[in-house]
């Protein structure tokens, strides 16, 4: 009889090459202070309007993230949490650091429909449950959107 790790390991090898079931990374925090340009860039990317936009895109009752927070809680408490969120997101960008708790993901493997054989790892697709804070930060720094709406904007 195989244990859980023996069953999951081939799925991880196929879908997440080079990763293991449990990977703990030491934070790589630079001891240098962020430059003035780093803070300027963070201020451009993170504004009250942009944070509100990023959070508003989540369906209210989508599955809770790893922190147990449903988007509806963020929607309803936005007036209270917006200022601290702005400071946190700006610091993440200026420092080039993502909090360890945000980097944690739970993965479930769902069978792909229509397969006749589910004995192969490729017959499943991974579904990752990550932090809504990380997803919000990702939306704020979405390179294509940022480049389209600021750098390439013709006046």
N, C-alpha and C. Protein backbone atom coordinates (compact mmCIF):
# COMPACT_ATOMS: atom_id res chain seq x y z
N UNK A 1 0.85 -1.19 0.00
CA UNK A 1 0.00 0.00 0.00
C UNK A 1 0.89 1.25 0.00
N UNK A 2 0.62 2.18 -0.90
CA UNK A 2 1.40 3.41 -0.98
C UNK A 2 0.88 4.43 0.02
N UNK A 3 1.82 5.23 0.57
CA UNK A 3 1.35 6.32 1.43
C UNK A 3 1.05 7.54 0.56
N UNK A 4 0.50 8.55 1.18
CA UNK A 4 0.07 9.76 0.46
C UNK A 4 1.21 10.40 -0.33
N UNK A 5 2.39 10.49 0.27
CA UNK A 5 3.53 11.13 -0.41
C UNK A 5 3.96 10.34 -1.64
N UNK A 6 3.92 9.01 -1.56
CA UNK A 6 4.29 8.19 -2.72
C UNK A 6 3.32 8.39 -3.87
N UNK A 7 2.07 8.65 -3.56
CA UNK A 7 1.06 8.89 -4.59
C UNK A 7 1.22 10.28 -5.19
N UNK A 8 1.48 11.27 -4.35
CA UNK A 8 1.56 12.66 -4.82
C UNK A 8 2.87 13.00 -5.52
N UNK A 9 3.96 12.33 -5.17
CA UNK A 9 5.27 12.69 -5.72
C UNK A 9 5.29 12.68 -7.25
N UNK A 10 4.76 11.66 -7.94
CA UNK A 10 4.76 11.71 -9.42
C UNK A 10 3.96 12.90 -9.97
N UNK A 11 2.87 13.27 -9.30
CA UNK A 11 2.09 14.43 -9.74
C UNK A 11 2.93 15.70 -9.65
N UNK A 12 3.66 15.85 -8.56
CA UNK A 12 4.51 17.03 -8.40
C UNK A 12 5.65 17.03 -9.40
N UNK A 13 6.24 15.86 -9.67
CA UNK A 13 7.35 15.80 -10.62
C UNK A 13 6.91 16.21 -12.02
N UNK A 14 5.68 15.85 -12.41
CA UNK A 14 5.17 16.20 -13.74
C UNK A 14 4.74 17.66 -13.81
N UNK A 15 3.97 18.11 -12.81
CA UNK A 15 3.38 19.44 -12.88
C UNK A 15 4.24 20.55 -12.27
N UNK A 16 5.15 20.21 -11.37
CA UNK A 16 6.01 21.19 -10.72
C UNK A 16 7.44 20.66 -10.67
N UNK A 17 8.10 20.53 -11.85
CA UNK A 17 9.45 19.96 -11.89
C UNK A 17 10.40 20.73 -10.95
N UNK A 18 11.19 19.98 -10.22
CA UNK A 18 12.17 20.59 -9.32
C UNK A 18 11.63 20.94 -7.95
N UNK A 19 10.34 20.78 -7.74
CA UNK A 19 9.75 21.08 -6.43
C UNK A 19 9.49 19.79 -5.68
N UNK A 20 9.40 19.93 -4.38
CA UNK A 20 9.05 18.77 -3.57
C UNK A 20 7.70 19.04 -2.92
N UNK A 21 7.17 18.03 -2.27
CA UNK A 21 5.86 18.17 -1.64
C UNK A 21 5.85 19.30 -0.62
N UNK A 22 6.87 19.37 0.18
CA UNK A 22 6.97 20.45 1.16
C UNK A 22 8.29 21.15 0.95
N UNK A 23 8.23 22.40 0.53
CA UNK A 23 9.44 23.16 0.30
C UNK A 23 9.38 24.41 1.17
N UNK A 24 10.33 24.56 2.01
CA UNK A 24 10.42 25.76 2.83
C UNK A 24 11.62 26.55 2.37
N UNK A 25 11.38 27.76 1.95
CA UNK A 25 12.46 28.60 1.44
C UNK A 25 12.85 29.61 2.50
N UNK A 26 14.15 29.78 2.64
CA UNK A 26 14.64 30.82 3.52
C UNK A 26 14.42 32.15 2.82
N UNK A 27 13.83 33.13 3.51
CA UNK A 27 13.65 34.42 2.88
C UNK A 27 14.99 35.00 2.46
N UNK A 28 15.03 35.54 1.27
CA UNK A 28 16.25 36.16 0.77
C UNK A 28 16.05 37.67 0.82
N UNK A 29 16.26 38.24 1.99
CA UNK A 29 16.03 39.66 2.19
C UNK A 29 17.36 40.39 2.09
N UNK A 30 17.39 41.35 1.22
CA UNK A 30 18.58 42.17 1.08
C UNK A 30 18.69 43.10 2.28
N UNK A 31 19.90 43.28 2.77
CA UNK A 31 20.09 44.19 3.89
C UNK A 31 20.16 45.65 3.44
N UNK A 32 20.21 45.85 2.12
CA UNK A 32 20.25 47.21 1.60
C UNK A 32 18.88 47.86 1.69
N UNK A 33 18.88 49.14 1.90
CA UNK A 33 17.63 49.90 1.91
C UNK A 33 17.17 50.10 0.47
N UNK A 34 15.85 50.09 0.24
CA UNK A 34 15.38 50.38 -1.12
C UNK A 34 15.74 51.82 -1.50
N UNK A 35 15.99 52.01 -2.77
CA UNK A 35 16.36 53.35 -3.24
C UNK A 35 15.11 54.22 -3.35
N UNK A 36 15.33 55.48 -3.57
CA UNK A 36 14.23 56.41 -3.78
C UNK A 36 13.42 56.02 -5.02
N UNK A 37 14.15 55.54 -6.06
CA UNK A 37 13.46 55.08 -7.27
C UNK A 37 12.57 53.87 -6.99
N UNK A 38 13.04 52.98 -6.10
CA UNK A 38 12.22 51.81 -5.73
C UNK A 38 10.90 52.26 -5.11
N UNK A 39 10.97 53.23 -4.22
CA UNK A 39 9.75 53.74 -3.57
C UNK A 39 8.88 54.50 -4.56
N UNK A 40 9.49 55.23 -5.48
CA UNK A 40 8.71 55.95 -6.50
C UNK A 40 7.94 54.96 -7.37
N UNK A 41 8.61 53.89 -7.77
CA UNK A 41 7.95 52.87 -8.58
C UNK A 41 6.81 52.23 -7.80
N UNK A 42 7.05 51.92 -6.54
CA UNK A 42 6.01 51.31 -5.70
C UNK A 42 4.82 52.26 -5.56
N UNK A 43 5.09 53.54 -5.42
CA UNK A 43 4.01 54.53 -5.30
C UNK A 43 3.20 54.64 -6.59
N UNK A 44 3.87 54.48 -7.75
CA UNK A 44 3.16 54.51 -9.03
C UNK A 44 2.25 53.29 -9.19
N UNK A 45 2.75 52.14 -8.77
CA UNK A 45 2.01 50.90 -8.96
C UNK A 45 0.88 50.72 -7.95
N UNK A 46 1.04 51.27 -6.76
CA UNK A 46 0.06 51.03 -5.69
C UNK A 46 -0.58 52.35 -5.28
N UNK A 47 -1.83 52.50 -5.66
CA UNK A 47 -2.62 53.66 -5.24
C UNK A 47 -3.92 53.13 -4.66
N UNK A 48 -4.67 53.99 -4.01
CA UNK A 48 -5.94 53.57 -3.44
C UNK A 48 -6.88 53.05 -4.53
N UNK A 49 -6.95 53.77 -5.64
CA UNK A 49 -7.82 53.34 -6.74
C UNK A 49 -7.42 51.98 -7.30
N UNK A 50 -6.11 51.77 -7.48
CA UNK A 50 -5.65 50.50 -8.04
C UNK A 50 -5.89 49.33 -7.08
N UNK A 51 -5.69 49.55 -5.78
CA UNK A 51 -5.95 48.48 -4.81
C UNK A 51 -7.43 48.15 -4.79
N UNK A 52 -8.27 49.18 -4.81
CA UNK A 52 -9.72 48.95 -4.83
C UNK A 52 -10.11 48.19 -6.11
N UNK A 53 -9.52 48.56 -7.24
CA UNK A 53 -9.79 47.87 -8.50
C UNK A 53 -9.38 46.40 -8.41
N UNK A 54 -8.16 46.14 -7.90
CA UNK A 54 -7.65 44.77 -7.85
C UNK A 54 -8.52 43.88 -6.96
N UNK A 55 -8.96 44.41 -5.84
CA UNK A 55 -9.79 43.63 -4.92
C UNK A 55 -11.19 43.45 -5.48
N UNK A 56 -11.69 44.46 -6.19
CA UNK A 56 -13.06 44.37 -6.72
C UNK A 56 -13.21 43.27 -7.77
N UNK A 57 -12.11 42.84 -8.38
CA UNK A 57 -12.17 41.81 -9.43
C UNK A 57 -12.45 40.41 -8.88
N UNK A 58 -12.24 40.22 -7.57
CA UNK A 58 -12.51 38.91 -6.98
C UNK A 58 -14.00 38.73 -6.77
N UNK A 59 -14.52 37.59 -7.18
CA UNK A 59 -15.91 37.26 -6.88
C UNK A 59 -16.04 37.14 -5.37
N UNK A 60 -17.08 37.73 -4.76
CA UNK A 60 -17.17 37.80 -3.30
C UNK A 60 -17.09 36.47 -2.57
N UNK A 61 -17.69 35.43 -3.13
CA UNK A 61 -17.73 34.17 -2.41
C UNK A 61 -16.89 33.08 -3.06
N UNK A 62 -15.85 33.52 -3.76
CA UNK A 62 -14.86 32.58 -4.26
C UNK A 62 -14.24 31.88 -3.04
N UNK A 63 -13.72 30.70 -3.22
CA UNK A 63 -13.14 29.95 -2.10
C UNK A 63 -12.14 30.81 -1.34
N UNK A 64 -12.17 30.67 -0.03
CA UNK A 64 -11.26 31.45 0.83
C UNK A 64 -9.82 31.08 0.50
N UNK A 65 -8.94 32.07 0.58
CA UNK A 65 -7.52 31.83 0.39
C UNK A 65 -6.95 31.11 1.59
N UNK A 66 -5.64 30.90 1.59
CA UNK A 66 -5.01 30.16 2.68
C UNK A 66 -5.20 30.83 4.03
N UNK A 67 -5.36 32.12 4.05
CA UNK A 67 -5.57 32.82 5.31
C UNK A 67 -7.00 32.69 5.81
N UNK A 68 -7.85 31.99 5.06
CA UNK A 68 -9.24 31.81 5.46
C UNK A 68 -10.10 33.03 5.17
N UNK A 69 -9.59 33.94 4.36
CA UNK A 69 -10.30 35.18 4.07
C UNK A 69 -11.03 35.06 2.73
N UNK A 70 -12.34 35.23 2.77
CA UNK A 70 -13.13 35.27 1.54
C UNK A 70 -13.01 36.68 0.96
N UNK A 71 -13.04 36.82 -0.35
CA UNK A 71 -13.00 38.16 -0.95
C UNK A 71 -14.09 39.07 -0.41
N UNK A 72 -15.24 38.52 -0.06
CA UNK A 72 -16.33 39.35 0.48
C UNK A 72 -15.88 40.09 1.73
N UNK A 73 -15.04 39.47 2.55
CA UNK A 73 -14.54 40.14 3.75
C UNK A 73 -13.67 41.34 3.38
N UNK A 74 -12.86 41.16 2.34
CA UNK A 74 -12.01 42.27 1.89
C UNK A 74 -12.88 43.37 1.28
N UNK A 75 -13.89 42.97 0.50
CA UNK A 75 -14.79 43.96 -0.10
C UNK A 75 -15.48 44.79 0.98
N UNK A 76 -16.02 44.11 1.98
CA UNK A 76 -16.81 44.81 2.99
C UNK A 76 -15.96 45.62 3.96
N UNK A 77 -14.70 45.20 4.16
CA UNK A 77 -13.85 45.90 5.11
C UNK A 77 -12.83 46.81 4.45
N UNK A 78 -13.01 47.07 3.16
CA UNK A 78 -12.00 47.81 2.40
C UNK A 78 -11.72 49.19 2.97
N UNK A 79 -12.75 49.89 3.42
CA UNK A 79 -12.53 51.22 3.99
C UNK A 79 -11.58 51.18 5.17
N UNK A 80 -11.64 50.11 5.94
CA UNK A 80 -10.82 49.99 7.14
C UNK A 80 -9.41 49.52 6.81
N UNK A 81 -9.28 48.61 5.84
CA UNK A 81 -7.97 48.00 5.57
C UNK A 81 -7.20 48.63 4.42
N UNK A 82 -7.79 49.56 3.69
CA UNK A 82 -7.14 50.08 2.48
C UNK A 82 -5.79 50.74 2.76
N UNK A 83 -5.70 51.58 3.77
CA UNK A 83 -4.43 52.29 4.05
C UNK A 83 -3.31 51.31 4.45
N UNK A 84 -3.57 50.37 5.39
CA UNK A 84 -2.51 49.41 5.71
C UNK A 84 -2.13 48.54 4.50
N UNK A 85 -3.11 48.15 3.69
CA UNK A 85 -2.80 47.36 2.50
C UNK A 85 -1.89 48.12 1.54
N UNK A 86 -2.17 49.39 1.36
CA UNK A 86 -1.33 50.21 0.47
C UNK A 86 0.11 50.22 0.98
N UNK A 87 0.29 50.43 2.28
CA UNK A 87 1.65 50.45 2.84
C UNK A 87 2.34 49.10 2.67
N UNK A 88 1.61 48.01 2.91
CA UNK A 88 2.19 46.67 2.78
C UNK A 88 2.58 46.39 1.33
N UNK A 89 1.67 46.66 0.39
CA UNK A 89 1.95 46.39 -1.02
C UNK A 89 3.11 47.25 -1.52
N UNK A 90 3.16 48.51 -1.13
CA UNK A 90 4.28 49.37 -1.54
C UNK A 90 5.60 48.85 -0.99
N UNK A 91 5.59 48.41 0.26
CA UNK A 91 6.81 47.88 0.86
C UNK A 91 7.25 46.60 0.14
N UNK A 92 6.31 45.74 -0.21
CA UNK A 92 6.65 44.51 -0.94
C UNK A 92 7.35 44.85 -2.25
N UNK A 93 6.82 45.82 -2.96
CA UNK A 93 7.39 46.20 -4.26
C UNK A 93 8.74 46.88 -4.08
N UNK A 94 8.83 47.84 -3.18
CA UNK A 94 10.08 48.57 -2.99
C UNK A 94 11.20 47.65 -2.49
N UNK A 95 10.85 46.74 -1.60
CA UNK A 95 11.84 45.83 -1.04
C UNK A 95 12.11 44.62 -1.93
N UNK A 96 11.20 44.38 -2.90
CA UNK A 96 11.33 43.20 -3.74
C UNK A 96 11.13 41.93 -2.93
N UNK A 97 10.19 41.97 -1.99
CA UNK A 97 9.98 40.85 -1.07
C UNK A 97 8.50 40.51 -0.98
N UNK A 98 8.21 39.22 -0.99
CA UNK A 98 6.85 38.73 -0.79
C UNK A 98 6.85 37.96 0.53
N UNK A 99 5.97 38.31 1.46
CA UNK A 99 5.94 37.61 2.75
C UNK A 99 5.82 36.10 2.58
N UNK A 100 6.52 35.38 3.44
CA UNK A 100 6.56 33.93 3.37
C UNK A 100 5.16 33.32 3.37
N UNK A 101 4.28 33.82 4.22
CA UNK A 101 2.92 33.26 4.31
C UNK A 101 2.18 33.39 2.98
N UNK A 102 2.46 34.43 2.22
CA UNK A 102 1.80 34.62 0.93
C UNK A 102 2.33 33.65 -0.12
N UNK A 103 3.53 33.13 0.08
CA UNK A 103 4.15 32.23 -0.90
C UNK A 103 3.73 30.78 -0.72
N UNK A 104 2.97 30.51 0.31
CA UNK A 104 2.50 29.15 0.57
C UNK A 104 1.28 28.87 -0.28
N UNK A 105 1.23 27.67 -0.82
CA UNK A 105 0.11 27.29 -1.68
C UNK A 105 -0.30 25.87 -1.36
N UNK A 106 -1.59 25.63 -1.34
CA UNK A 106 -2.10 24.27 -1.25
C UNK A 106 -2.53 23.86 -2.64
N UNK A 107 -2.13 22.66 -3.03
CA UNK A 107 -2.42 22.19 -4.37
C UNK A 107 -3.31 20.95 -4.30
N UNK A 108 -4.36 20.96 -5.09
CA UNK A 108 -5.22 19.80 -5.26
C UNK A 108 -5.13 19.39 -6.73
N UNK A 109 -5.21 18.12 -6.99
CA UNK A 109 -5.13 17.64 -8.36
C UNK A 109 -6.51 17.15 -8.78
N UNK A 110 -7.05 17.77 -9.83
CA UNK A 110 -8.37 17.42 -10.34
C UNK A 110 -8.21 16.59 -11.60
N UNK A 111 -9.00 15.52 -11.72
CA UNK A 111 -8.91 14.72 -12.94
C UNK A 111 -9.40 15.51 -14.16
N UNK A 112 -8.67 15.40 -15.25
CA UNK A 112 -9.09 16.05 -16.49
C UNK A 112 -10.26 15.26 -17.06
N UNK A 113 -11.32 15.95 -17.48
CA UNK A 113 -12.48 15.22 -18.00
C UNK A 113 -12.17 14.49 -19.31
N UNK A 114 -12.87 13.40 -19.51
CA UNK A 114 -12.78 12.67 -20.77
C UNK A 114 -11.59 11.74 -20.90
N UNK A 115 -10.80 11.58 -19.86
CA UNK A 115 -9.65 10.66 -19.94
C UNK A 115 -10.11 9.24 -19.65
N UNK A 116 -9.57 8.31 -20.37
CA UNK A 116 -9.95 6.91 -20.14
C UNK A 116 -9.03 6.25 -19.11
N UNK A 117 -7.85 6.85 -18.90
CA UNK A 117 -6.88 6.26 -17.98
C UNK A 117 -6.38 7.33 -17.01
N UNK A 118 -6.66 7.13 -15.76
CA UNK A 118 -6.22 8.09 -14.73
C UNK A 118 -5.03 7.55 -13.94
N UNK A 119 -4.29 6.64 -14.52
CA UNK A 119 -3.11 6.10 -13.83
C UNK A 119 -1.87 6.94 -14.10
N UNK A 120 -1.98 7.90 -15.03
CA UNK A 120 -0.84 8.77 -15.37
C UNK A 120 -1.03 10.15 -14.76
N UNK A 121 0.07 10.75 -14.33
CA UNK A 121 0.02 12.07 -13.69
C UNK A 121 -0.54 13.14 -14.63
N UNK A 122 -0.30 13.01 -15.93
CA UNK A 122 -0.79 14.02 -16.89
C UNK A 122 -2.31 13.99 -17.06
N UNK A 123 -2.97 13.01 -16.47
CA UNK A 123 -4.42 12.93 -16.54
C UNK A 123 -5.07 13.84 -15.49
N UNK A 124 -4.25 14.55 -14.73
CA UNK A 124 -4.74 15.45 -13.69
C UNK A 124 -4.20 16.85 -13.92
N UNK A 125 -4.94 17.84 -13.45
CA UNK A 125 -4.44 19.22 -13.52
C UNK A 125 -4.36 19.77 -12.10
N UNK A 126 -3.32 20.54 -11.83
CA UNK A 126 -3.19 21.10 -10.49
C UNK A 126 -4.07 22.34 -10.31
N UNK A 127 -4.64 22.46 -9.15
CA UNK A 127 -5.39 23.65 -8.78
C UNK A 127 -4.74 24.17 -7.51
N UNK A 128 -4.21 25.39 -7.58
CA UNK A 128 -3.49 25.96 -6.45
C UNK A 128 -4.35 26.96 -5.70
N UNK A 129 -4.37 26.83 -4.41
CA UNK A 129 -5.08 27.77 -3.54
C UNK A 129 -4.02 28.63 -2.87
N UNK A 130 -4.01 29.91 -3.22
CA UNK A 130 -3.00 30.83 -2.68
C UNK A 130 -3.69 31.98 -1.95
N UNK A 131 -2.89 32.81 -1.37
CA UNK A 131 -3.36 33.95 -0.59
C UNK A 131 -3.99 35.02 -1.49
N UNK A 132 -5.13 35.58 -1.05
CA UNK A 132 -5.73 36.68 -1.80
C UNK A 132 -4.84 37.92 -1.76
N UNK A 133 -4.05 38.06 -0.72
CA UNK A 133 -3.12 39.19 -0.65
C UNK A 133 -2.10 39.08 -1.79
N UNK A 134 -1.59 37.88 -2.03
CA UNK A 134 -0.64 37.68 -3.12
C UNK A 134 -1.32 37.92 -4.47
N UNK A 135 -2.52 37.42 -4.64
CA UNK A 135 -3.24 37.62 -5.90
C UNK A 135 -3.50 39.11 -6.15
N UNK A 136 -3.79 39.84 -5.10
CA UNK A 136 -4.01 41.29 -5.24
C UNK A 136 -2.71 41.96 -5.66
N UNK A 137 -1.61 41.61 -5.00
CA UNK A 137 -0.31 42.18 -5.36
C UNK A 137 0.04 41.84 -6.81
N UNK A 138 -0.24 40.61 -7.24
CA UNK A 138 0.03 40.22 -8.63
C UNK A 138 -0.73 41.11 -9.60
N UNK A 139 -1.98 41.40 -9.28
CA UNK A 139 -2.78 42.26 -10.16
C UNK A 139 -2.22 43.67 -10.20
N UNK A 140 -1.71 44.14 -9.09
CA UNK A 140 -1.17 45.49 -9.05
C UNK A 140 0.08 45.62 -9.91
N UNK A 141 0.87 44.57 -9.98
CA UNK A 141 2.12 44.66 -10.73
C UNK A 141 2.06 43.95 -12.07
N UNK A 142 0.85 43.61 -12.51
CA UNK A 142 0.67 42.98 -13.81
C UNK A 142 1.40 43.82 -14.86
N UNK A 143 2.50 43.29 -15.34
CA UNK A 143 3.38 44.03 -16.24
C UNK A 143 2.67 44.53 -17.48
N UNK A 144 1.90 43.68 -18.12
CA UNK A 144 1.25 44.09 -19.36
C UNK A 144 0.30 45.25 -19.11
N UNK A 145 -0.51 45.13 -18.08
CA UNK A 145 -1.46 46.20 -17.77
C UNK A 145 -0.71 47.50 -17.42
N UNK A 146 0.34 47.38 -16.61
CA UNK A 146 1.10 48.56 -16.20
C UNK A 146 1.75 49.21 -17.42
N UNK A 147 2.36 48.42 -18.27
CA UNK A 147 3.02 48.97 -19.45
C UNK A 147 2.00 49.62 -20.39
N UNK A 148 0.87 48.92 -20.63
CA UNK A 148 -0.16 49.47 -21.51
C UNK A 148 -0.72 50.79 -20.99
N UNK A 149 -0.97 50.85 -19.68
CA UNK A 149 -1.68 52.00 -19.12
C UNK A 149 -0.78 53.13 -18.65
N UNK A 150 0.53 52.93 -18.64
CA UNK A 150 1.37 54.03 -18.18
C UNK A 150 2.55 54.27 -19.11
N UNK A 151 3.40 53.28 -19.28
CA UNK A 151 4.61 53.47 -20.06
C UNK A 151 4.31 53.75 -21.53
N UNK A 152 3.35 53.02 -22.11
CA UNK A 152 3.05 53.16 -23.53
C UNK A 152 1.90 54.14 -23.81
N UNK A 153 1.38 54.75 -22.76
CA UNK A 153 0.26 55.66 -22.92
C UNK A 153 0.72 56.89 -23.70
N UNK A 154 0.02 57.17 -24.80
CA UNK A 154 0.36 58.32 -25.63
C UNK A 154 -0.53 59.49 -25.21
N UNK A 155 0.09 60.59 -24.94
CA UNK A 155 -0.68 61.78 -24.50
C UNK A 155 -1.07 62.62 -25.69
